[in-house]
Amino acid sequence: MAQKMRAVRLFAPKDIRCVEVDVPQIEKDTQVLIKVKSCGVCGSDIPRVMVKGTYHFPTTIGHEFSGQIVECGTNVRGNLKPGDRVSVMPLIPCGTCQFCKVGQSHLCDHYDYYGSRRDGAMAEYIVVESENCLKLPQNVSYEMGALTDPISVALHAVRKVRMEAGKSAAVFGLGAIGYLCVQWLRELGCTRVIAVDVADEKLKLAKELGATDGVNGMKVDAVKTVKELTGGEGVDIAIEFAGNKITHVQAVEACKKNGEVVYGGITYDDVAFPNRAIAAILRGELTIHGSWNSSINPLPINEWMSGLEYMNLGKIIVEPLITHRVRLEDCREVFDMMFNRTEVFTKVLFLPELM
């Protein structure tokens, strides 16, 4: 095997380059070496690369990925072997904090993370902990496998609410996770799912993926329209993944009494709630949930395994979300495009074998 590889590395905010580095080596007997086949760009990667930076420089970025195992440590668990196709959860829990001890490793106090705290997968190879690997089912391609992370993040958010057959929901923000929330809500029992965004082409795709209605918040009053679509009451469930200070408020105001709001979108602005929104929370006795990351803990369900199985069965569709397939060498131009929004995109995949 080659001793050198190409990797997309961040040297400082906005200073991103595809460079040649050493192929990483297995250092612990529980690790595996993976040949990366597909690595997606998460919405959080864009400000990380272009504004905030990572925890140390240089850092190989990328945490949504799949690949093929080429080498295993001597104490690898889970019946993993060279040749296996896998998806990898990027969070590495400490295993000893109070949250890890009760099976909530996604809330770990001392976690590590591929692509920000340690080198990630926007490269030809990566070494990962074998416990973070899940085999891809037969009908799940490498490109699909790279979307297991956003699929599980969407499922984690939807599982926060008291789901019942026939409930109504609104999803604010149609990034990849927003589209996936639409699909999970329909699969798990909602008969009306209203998609809210500011781009008509995104609303069109949301309807193709299961949304019953689309609302363009740039053209109409989103809250008023959601209530009109629900007989004046509002929705049972509002999920916010736009990460916008406007939609944070709209999600509350679009809910009916006894409704539930899930906040999953990351915002970098302060959010001010007007008195009418606070009144809606109090007088409507709304329940507010925060949703962060996802979990591969086995109980009550492994959200990653559920996501893979639903893809395998064709119940969760991800291919229409992939708008760009690019080379590692295209990294600077691609991140400029996403940061400045010079093109419409949903999920951008870096394919290391694409030359």
Protein backbone atom coordinates (compact mmCIF):
# COMPACT_ATOMS: atom_id res chain seq x y z
CA MET A 1 0.00 0.00 0.00
CA ALA A 2 1.14 3.55 -0.69
CA GLN A 3 2.87 5.38 2.18
CA LYS A 4 1.55 8.80 1.16
CA MET A 5 -1.99 10.04 0.54
CA ARG A 6 -3.95 13.17 -0.36
CA ALA A 7 -5.86 14.92 2.42
CA VAL A 8 -7.89 18.13 2.76
CA ARG A 9 -6.30 20.01 5.65
CA LEU A 10 -7.25 23.24 7.38
CA PHE A 11 -4.22 25.37 8.30
CA ALA A 12 -6.20 28.41 9.49
CA PRO A 13 -9.71 29.75 8.90
CA LYS A 14 -10.18 29.99 5.10
CA ASP A 15 -6.77 28.39 4.51
CA ILE A 16 -7.83 24.96 3.25
CA ARG A 17 -5.62 22.89 0.97
CA CYS A 18 -5.36 19.42 -0.50
CA VAL A 19 -1.88 18.26 0.46
CA GLU A 20 0.18 15.08 0.55
CA VAL A 21 0.61 13.50 4.00
CA ASP A 22 1.60 10.14 5.47
CA VAL A 23 -1.01 7.40 5.47
CA PRO A 24 -2.12 7.06 9.14
CA GLN A 25 -1.08 3.95 11.03
CA ILE A 26 -3.02 1.81 13.50
CA GLU A 27 -1.76 2.70 16.99
CA LYS A 28 -4.22 0.73 19.17
CA ASP A 29 -5.28 -2.89 18.79
CA THR A 30 -8.94 -1.79 18.72
CA GLN A 31 -8.53 0.42 15.65
CA VAL A 32 -9.07 -0.16 11.93
CA LEU A 33 -7.62 1.51 8.85
CA ILE A 34 -10.28 2.58 6.36
CA LYS A 35 -9.95 3.52 2.71
CA VAL A 36 -12.38 6.42 2.47
CA LYS A 37 -14.88 6.13 -0.36
CA SER A 38 -17.17 9.11 0.31
CA CYS A 39 -17.07 12.06 2.72
CA GLY A 40 -19.91 14.56 3.04
CA VAL A 41 -19.77 18.19 4.08
CA CYS A 42 -21.85 18.89 7.18
CA GLY A 43 -23.45 22.30 7.60
CA SER A 44 -21.23 22.78 10.66
CA ASP A 45 -18.11 22.24 8.51
CA ILE A 46 -18.69 25.45 6.56
CA PRO A 47 -18.29 27.92 9.47
CA ARG A 48 -15.64 25.64 10.97
CA VAL A 49 -13.52 25.91 7.84
CA MET A 50 -14.31 29.48 6.82
CA VAL A 51 -14.70 31.29 10.18
CA LYS A 52 -14.06 29.48 13.44
CA GLY A 53 -11.30 27.01 12.74
CA THR A 54 -10.67 23.65 14.42
CA TYR A 55 -9.10 22.77 17.76
CA HIS A 56 -5.58 22.58 16.36
CA PHE A 57 -3.84 23.26 13.05
CA PRO A 58 -3.44 21.71 10.63
CA THR A 59 -6.47 19.40 10.82
CA THR A 60 -7.83 16.99 8.24
CA ILE A 61 -11.55 17.82 8.19
CA GLY A 62 -14.62 15.71 7.46
CA HIS A 63 -16.81 13.59 9.74
CA GLU A 64 -19.63 12.24 7.54
CA PHE A 65 -18.04 9.31 5.77
CA SER A 66 -18.00 5.71 4.67
CA GLY A 67 -15.31 3.43 3.35
CA GLN A 68 -13.76 -0.01 3.20
CA ILE A 69 -11.67 -1.57 5.96
CA VAL A 70 -8.19 -2.46 4.74
CA GLU A 71 -6.49 -3.38 8.03
CA CYS A 72 -7.63 -4.35 11.53
CA GLY A 73 -5.98 -4.20 14.93
CA THR A 74 -5.53 -7.45 16.85
CA ASN A 75 -8.41 -6.77 19.29
CA VAL A 76 -11.07 -5.41 16.93
CA ARG A 77 -14.65 -6.23 17.93
CA GLY A 78 -17.91 -6.56 16.02
CA ASN A 79 -16.79 -9.22 13.54
CA LEU A 80 -15.10 -6.55 11.43
CA LYS A 81 -12.55 -7.66 8.87
CA PRO A 82 -10.64 -6.28 5.88
CA GLY A 83 -12.97 -5.78 2.95
CA ASP A 84 -15.99 -4.80 5.04
CA ARG A 85 -17.91 -1.72 3.90
CA VAL A 86 -18.63 0.57 6.85
CA SER A 87 -20.07 3.87 7.99
CA VAL A 88 -18.42 5.53 11.00
CA MET A 89 -19.90 7.53 13.86
CA PRO A 90 -17.57 10.53 14.32
CA LEU A 91 -18.00 11.06 18.08
CA ILE A 92 -15.55 9.18 20.32
CA PRO A 93 -16.95 9.08 23.87
CA CYS A 94 -14.70 8.89 26.92
CA GLY A 95 -16.69 5.98 28.36
CA THR A 96 -16.19 7.12 31.95
CA CYS A 97 -18.22 10.32 32.49
CA GLN A 98 -21.68 10.24 34.08
CA PHE A 99 -23.44 10.44 30.71
CA CYS A 100 -21.43 7.64 29.12
CA LYS A 101 -22.15 5.45 32.15
CA VAL A 102 -25.92 5.73 31.60
CA GLY A 103 -25.83 5.17 27.85
CA GLN A 104 -25.94 8.82 26.75
CA SER A 105 -22.52 8.95 25.11
CA HIS A 106 -23.68 11.65 22.68
CA LEU A 107 -23.69 13.97 25.73
CA CYS A 108 -20.18 12.90 26.80
CA ASP A 109 -18.32 15.52 28.83
CA HIS A 110 -14.89 14.61 27.44
CA TYR A 111 -15.50 13.40 23.89
CA ASP A 112 -13.17 13.42 20.92
CA TYR A 113 -14.38 13.95 17.36
CA TYR A 114 -13.10 13.09 13.91
CA GLY A 115 -12.70 16.11 11.66
CA SER A 116 -12.44 18.81 14.33
CA ARG A 117 -10.66 17.57 17.45
CA ARG A 118 -8.65 14.92 15.61
CA ASP A 119 -7.97 14.27 11.93
CA GLY A 120 -11.05 13.43 9.89
CA ALA A 121 -11.99 11.63 6.70
CA MET A 122 -11.63 14.12 3.85
CA ALA A 123 -8.66 12.06 2.76
CA GLU A 124 -7.80 8.77 1.12
CA TYR A 125 -7.41 6.90 4.43
CA ILE A 126 -8.36 7.28 8.08
CA VAL A 127 -7.75 5.25 11.25
CA VAL A 128 -10.83 4.95 13.49
CA GLU A 129 -12.00 3.11 16.58
CA SER A 130 -13.65 -0.15 15.56
CA GLU A 131 -16.53 0.42 18.01
CA ASN A 132 -17.54 3.43 15.90
CA CYS A 133 -17.95 1.31 12.76
CA LEU A 134 -21.21 -0.11 11.41
CA LYS A 135 -21.36 -2.41 8.41
CA LEU A 136 -23.27 -1.12 5.41
CA PRO A 137 -26.25 -3.30 4.41
CA GLN A 138 -26.40 -4.78 0.92
CA ASN A 139 -28.53 -2.04 -0.65
CA VAL A 140 -26.63 0.87 0.90
CA SER A 141 -23.90 2.34 -1.31
CA TYR A 142 -20.84 4.19 -0.06
CA GLU A 143 -22.46 7.49 -0.99
CA MET A 144 -25.58 6.56 0.95
CA GLY A 145 -23.43 5.37 3.83
CA ALA A 146 -21.78 8.79 4.07
CA LEU A 147 -25.21 10.22 4.88
CA THR A 148 -25.82 7.92 7.86
CA ASP A 149 -24.73 10.72 10.19
CA PRO A 150 -27.34 13.29 9.07
CA ILE A 151 -29.97 10.52 8.87
CA SER A 152 -29.34 9.58 12.50
CA VAL A 153 -29.22 13.24 13.60
CA ALA A 154 -32.67 13.72 12.03
CA LEU A 155 -33.99 10.57 13.69
CA HIS A 156 -32.58 11.68 17.05
CA ALA A 157 -34.50 14.96 16.74
CA VAL A 158 -37.77 13.30 15.73
CA ARG A 159 -37.49 10.79 18.58
CA LYS A 160 -37.56 13.66 21.08
CA VAL A 161 -41.31 14.16 20.59
CA ARG A 162 -44.31 12.07 21.64
CA MET A 163 -45.07 10.59 18.25
CA GLU A 164 -48.62 9.38 17.58
CA ALA A 165 -50.27 8.26 14.36
CA GLY A 166 -52.03 11.18 12.71
CA LYS A 167 -50.07 14.04 14.26
CA SER A 168 -49.06 17.10 12.24
CA ALA A 169 -45.61 18.63 12.01
CA ALA A 170 -43.67 21.51 10.48
CA VAL A 171 -39.99 21.38 9.57
CA PHE A 172 -38.19 24.73 9.39
CA GLY A 173 -35.10 24.65 7.17
CA LEU A 174 -34.45 22.29 4.28
CA GLY A 175 -30.84 21.41 4.55
CA ALA A 176 -30.06 17.70 4.35
CA ILE A 177 -31.22 17.11 7.92
CA GLY A 178 -34.45 19.03 7.34
CA TYR A 179 -35.29 16.85 4.33
CA LEU A 180 -34.54 13.76 6.39
CA CYS A 181 -36.75 14.98 9.25
CA VAL A 182 -39.60 15.27 6.74
CA GLN A 183 -39.12 11.64 5.78
CA TRP A 184 -38.79 10.35 9.35
CA LEU A 185 -41.92 12.22 10.45
CA ARG A 186 -43.95 10.64 7.66
CA GLU A 187 -42.50 7.17 8.29
CA LEU A 188 -43.15 7.33 12.03
CA GLY A 189 -46.75 8.49 11.92
CA CYS A 190 -47.34 12.10 10.90
CA THR A 191 -50.03 12.43 8.26
CA ARG A 192 -49.36 16.13 7.62
CA VAL A 193 -45.80 17.45 7.34
CA ILE A 194 -45.34 21.08 6.33
CA ALA A 195 -41.92 22.04 4.97
CA VAL A 196 -40.83 25.66 5.49
CA ASP A 197 -37.92 27.20 3.58
CA VAL A 198 -37.11 30.23 1.42
CA ALA A 199 -36.33 28.39 -1.83
CA ASP A 200 -39.10 27.06 -4.06
CA GLU A 201 -36.86 24.37 -5.57
CA LYS A 202 -36.20 22.99 -2.09
CA LEU A 203 -39.89 22.99 -1.25
CA LYS A 204 -40.57 21.08 -4.48
CA LEU A 205 -38.08 18.37 -3.51
CA ALA A 206 -39.52 18.22 0.02
CA LYS A 207 -42.92 17.38 -1.45
CA GLU A 208 -41.37 14.68 -3.59
CA LEU A 209 -39.86 13.21 -0.42
CA GLY A 210 -43.09 13.19 1.55
CA ALA A 211 -44.00 16.70 2.69
CA THR A 212 -47.72 17.36 2.28
CA ASP A 213 -47.27 21.13 2.00
CA GLY A 214 -44.53 23.64 1.26
CA VAL A 215 -44.34 27.17 2.64
CA ASN A 216 -41.95 29.80 1.30
CA GLY A 217 -41.19 32.09 4.24
CA MET A 218 -39.89 34.80 1.90
CA LYS A 219 -43.22 35.04 0.08
CA VAL A 220 -45.81 34.52 2.82
CA ASP A 221 -46.15 34.78 6.59
CA ALA A 222 -44.93 31.31 7.53
CA VAL A 223 -46.69 31.11 10.89
CA LYS A 224 -49.98 32.38 9.52
CA THR A 225 -49.82 29.93 6.62
CA VAL A 226 -49.00 26.95 8.84
CA LYS A 227 -51.99 27.78 11.00
CA GLU A 228 -54.25 28.15 7.98
CA LEU A 229 -53.15 24.71 6.81
CA THR A 230 -54.04 23.24 10.20
CA GLY A 231 -57.47 24.75 10.70
CA GLY A 232 -56.16 27.67 12.72
CA GLU A 233 -54.62 25.54 15.46
CA GLY A 234 -51.00 25.08 14.46
CA VAL A 235 -48.99 21.86 14.32
CA ASP A 236 -48.42 19.26 17.01
CA ILE A 237 -44.68 19.22 16.31
CA ALA A 238 -42.28 21.90 15.05
CA ILE A 239 -38.68 20.98 14.25
CA GLU A 240 -36.14 23.73 13.60
CA PHE A 241 -33.03 22.94 11.57
CA ALA A 242 -32.45 26.26 9.82
CA GLY A 243 -30.37 27.60 12.71
CA ASN A 244 -31.92 31.01 12.14
CA LYS A 245 -33.08 33.51 14.76
CA ILE A 246 -36.30 34.09 12.79
CA THR A 247 -37.26 30.43 12.45
CA HIS A 248 -36.41 29.79 16.10
CA VAL A 249 -39.31 32.08 16.99
CA GLN A 250 -41.56 30.86 14.18
CA ALA A 251 -41.27 27.26 15.37
CA VAL A 252 -42.81 28.23 18.70
CA GLU A 253 -45.54 30.38 17.19
CA ALA A 254 -46.53 27.69 14.66
CA CYS A 255 -47.33 25.13 17.38
CA LYS A 256 -50.76 24.32 18.75
CA LYS A 257 -51.42 24.10 22.48
CA ASN A 258 -49.65 21.15 24.11
CA GLY A 259 -47.35 21.08 21.09
CA GLU A 260 -43.66 20.24 21.04
CA VAL A 261 -40.74 22.18 19.57
CA VAL A 262 -37.37 20.59 18.77
CA TYR A 263 -34.34 22.80 18.25
CA GLY A 264 -31.56 21.13 16.28
CA GLY A 265 -30.26 23.90 14.03
CA ILE A 266 -27.06 25.58 15.20
CA THR A 267 -27.28 29.36 15.33
CA TYR A 268 -24.41 31.77 15.89
CA ASP A 269 -26.69 34.73 16.63
CA ASP A 270 -28.41 35.71 19.84
CA VAL A 271 -32.10 34.86 19.64
CA ALA A 272 -34.65 37.27 21.15
CA PHE A 273 -38.11 35.82 21.79
CA PRO A 274 -40.91 38.42 21.60
CA ASN A 275 -43.54 38.49 24.30
CA ARG A 276 -46.09 36.77 22.06
CA ALA A 277 -43.77 33.76 21.66
CA ILE A 278 -43.15 33.50 25.39
CA ALA A 279 -46.92 33.74 25.91
CA ALA A 280 -47.42 30.91 23.41
CA ILE A 281 -45.01 28.74 25.40
CA LEU A 282 -46.65 29.53 28.73
CA ARG A 283 -50.32 29.64 27.78
CA GLY A 284 -50.03 26.78 25.34
CA GLU A 285 -47.92 24.69 27.72
CA LEU A 286 -45.48 23.89 24.95
CA THR A 287 -42.64 21.44 25.46
CA ILE A 288 -39.22 22.59 24.21
CA HIS A 289 -36.55 20.03 23.33
CA GLY A 290 -32.91 20.46 22.46
CA SER A 291 -31.47 17.86 20.11
CA TRP A 292 -27.76 17.24 19.73
CA ASN A 293 -25.96 14.73 17.55
CA SER A 294 -27.10 11.09 17.59
CA SER A 295 -26.34 7.81 19.30
CA ILE A 296 -25.08 4.32 18.49
CA ASN A 297 -25.86 3.05 21.99
CA PRO A 298 -27.82 -0.22 21.64
CA LEU A 299 -30.83 0.69 23.81
CA PRO A 300 -33.58 1.57 23.29
CA ILE A 301 -32.47 1.68 19.63
CA ASN A 302 -29.22 2.29 17.82
CA GLU A 303 -30.15 5.33 15.71
CA TRP A 304 -27.39 4.61 13.21
CA MET A 305 -28.53 1.03 12.70
CA SER A 306 -32.12 2.23 12.25
CA GLY A 307 -30.99 4.75 9.65
CA LEU A 308 -29.01 2.13 7.74
CA GLU A 309 -31.92 -0.33 7.82
CA TYR A 310 -34.43 2.25 6.60
CA MET A 311 -32.10 3.15 3.73
CA ASN A 312 -31.60 -0.53 2.97
CA LEU A 313 -35.37 -1.01 2.74
CA GLY A 314 -35.80 2.06 0.55
CA LYS A 315 -37.91 3.86 3.17
CA ILE A 316 -35.48 6.77 3.63
CA ILE A 317 -34.22 8.24 0.35
CA VAL A 318 -30.98 10.20 0.21
CA GLU A 319 -29.80 10.19 -3.41
CA PRO A 320 -31.83 13.31 -4.40
CA LEU A 321 -30.07 15.24 -1.61
CA ILE A 322 -26.65 14.80 -3.21
CA THR A 323 -26.10 17.87 -5.36
CA HIS A 324 -22.31 17.88 -5.82
CA ARG A 325 -19.65 15.18 -6.16
CA VAL A 326 -16.17 16.71 -6.08
CA ARG A 327 -12.45 15.90 -5.90
CA LEU A 328 -10.28 16.48 -2.85
CA GLU A 329 -8.33 18.96 -4.97
CA ASP A 330 -11.48 21.09 -5.40
CA CYS A 331 -11.69 21.86 -1.68
CA ARG A 332 -10.92 25.59 -1.75
CA GLU A 333 -13.32 26.42 -4.57
CA VAL A 334 -16.08 24.20 -3.11
CA PHE A 335 -15.92 25.74 0.37
CA ASP A 336 -15.91 29.23 -1.15
CA MET A 337 -19.03 28.28 -3.11
CA MET A 338 -20.84 26.94 -0.05
CA PHE A 339 -19.83 29.82 2.21
CA ASN A 340 -20.85 32.48 -0.32
CA ARG A 341 -23.86 30.45 -1.57
CA THR A 342 -23.03 31.06 -5.20
CA GLU A 343 -24.81 27.80 -6.10
CA VAL A 344 -27.79 25.95 -4.68
CA PHE A 345 -26.54 22.89 -2.81
CA THR A 346 -27.76 20.39 -0.27
CA LYS A 347 -25.23 17.62 0.26
CA VAL A 348 -21.73 17.95 -1.15
CA LEU A 349 -19.70 14.73 -1.30
CA PHE A 350 -15.92 14.57 -1.59
CA LEU A 351 -14.93 11.36 -3.38
CA PRO A 352 -11.23 10.60 -2.76
CA GLU A 353 -11.06 8.22 -5.74
CA LEU A 354 -12.35 10.90 -8.10
CA MET A 355 -9.38 12.26 -10.05
